[in-house]
Amino acid sequence: MTSPKTGEILKYQRTGGLFEVKKVTNEFIILYARDGSSQIMTGKGSLDFLFARVSQIETTPKELTAGSKYPVFAGGLPV
């Protein structure tokens, strides 16, 4: 995976949670959960097996999931 851009949404492979990229440096990436419950700092080397890219079509607007406990895909089913 090429280095993600700030604002890009990634799916955490272990839980299926959606995370927004907040900061990208030469060595690490900081991501925040879309529901505001957690944040992750990971090295660029581990990004490929911990996260997957999510297309914008798969996610709902941030405003619609702000009060949601679980991320929701556009189809309305919780992850």
Protein backbone atom coordinates (compact mmCIF):
# COMPACT_ATOMS: atom_id res chain seq x y z
CA MET A 1 0.00 0.00 0.00
CA THR A 2 1.32 3.42 -0.82
CA SER A 3 1.39 5.95 1.96
CA PRO A 4 -2.15 7.16 2.75
CA LYS A 5 -3.12 10.83 2.65
CA THR A 6 -4.52 12.87 5.52
CA GLY A 7 -8.29 12.45 5.64
CA GLU A 8 -8.28 9.04 3.95
CA ILE A 9 -10.39 6.30 5.58
CA LEU A 10 -8.81 2.92 6.38
CA LYS A 11 -10.39 -0.24 7.77
CA TYR A 12 -8.63 -1.90 10.72
CA GLN A 13 -8.35 -5.60 9.77
CA ARG A 14 -8.59 -6.96 13.33
CA THR A 15 -11.90 -5.32 14.29
CA GLY A 16 -13.33 -3.95 11.06
CA GLY A 17 -13.41 -0.44 12.56
CA LEU A 18 -13.00 2.59 10.33
CA PHE A 19 -10.16 5.02 11.01
CA GLU A 20 -9.36 8.40 9.48
CA VAL A 21 -5.73 9.27 8.77
CA LYS A 22 -4.91 12.40 10.79
CA LYS A 23 -1.15 12.71 10.34
CA VAL A 24 1.49 11.11 8.10
CA THR A 25 5.23 11.45 8.80
CA ASN A 26 8.30 9.72 7.36
CA GLU A 27 8.14 6.94 9.97
CA PHE A 28 4.58 6.61 11.30
CA ILE A 29 0.90 7.30 10.74
CA ILE A 30 -1.67 8.52 13.29
CA LEU A 31 -5.28 7.40 12.80
CA TYR A 32 -8.45 8.30 14.73
CA ALA A 33 -11.55 6.10 14.97
CA ARG A 34 -14.50 7.54 13.06
CA ASP A 35 -16.64 7.18 16.19
CA GLY A 36 -14.05 9.02 18.31
CA SER A 37 -13.46 6.06 20.64
CA SER A 38 -9.75 5.48 19.99
CA GLN A 39 -6.63 6.40 18.11
CA ILE A 40 -3.78 4.34 16.68
CA MET A 41 -0.20 5.20 15.87
CA THR A 42 1.47 2.67 13.58
CA GLY A 43 4.68 2.44 11.62
CA LYS A 44 4.47 2.56 7.84
CA GLY A 45 5.88 -0.98 7.67
CA SER A 46 2.93 -2.51 9.53
CA LEU A 47 0.25 -0.54 7.67
CA ASP A 48 -0.13 -3.14 4.89
CA PHE A 49 -1.19 -6.02 7.12
CA LEU A 50 -3.12 -4.04 9.75
CA PHE A 51 -5.24 -1.80 7.49
CA ALA A 52 -7.08 -1.93 4.17
CA ARG A 53 -8.22 0.95 2.01
CA VAL A 54 -11.94 1.69 2.00
CA SER A 55 -13.62 3.40 -0.92
CA GLN A 56 -15.68 6.51 -0.22
CA ILE A 57 -18.77 4.68 -1.53
CA GLU A 58 -18.51 2.08 1.26
CA THR A 59 -18.63 4.59 4.10
CA THR A 60 -21.38 6.92 5.19
CA PRO A 61 -20.75 10.61 5.83
CA LYS A 62 -19.05 11.29 9.15
CA GLU A 63 -22.03 13.31 10.43
CA LEU A 64 -24.36 10.32 10.12
CA THR A 65 -22.16 7.99 12.18
CA ALA A 66 -21.04 10.49 14.83
CA GLY A 67 -23.50 9.14 17.42
CA SER A 68 -23.16 5.53 16.32
CA LYS A 69 -21.34 3.04 18.52
CA TYR A 70 -20.19 0.99 15.52
CA PRO A 71 -19.10 2.06 12.04
CA VAL A 72 -21.88 1.63 9.48
CA PHE A 73 -21.46 0.90 5.77
CA ALA A 74 -23.61 2.64 3.21
CA GLY A 75 -25.90 -0.41 3.07
CA GLY A 76 -26.89 0.27 6.69
CA LEU A 77 -25.38 -2.87 8.19
CA PRO A 78 -22.96 -2.46 11.13
CA VAL A 79 -19.43 -3.69 10.59
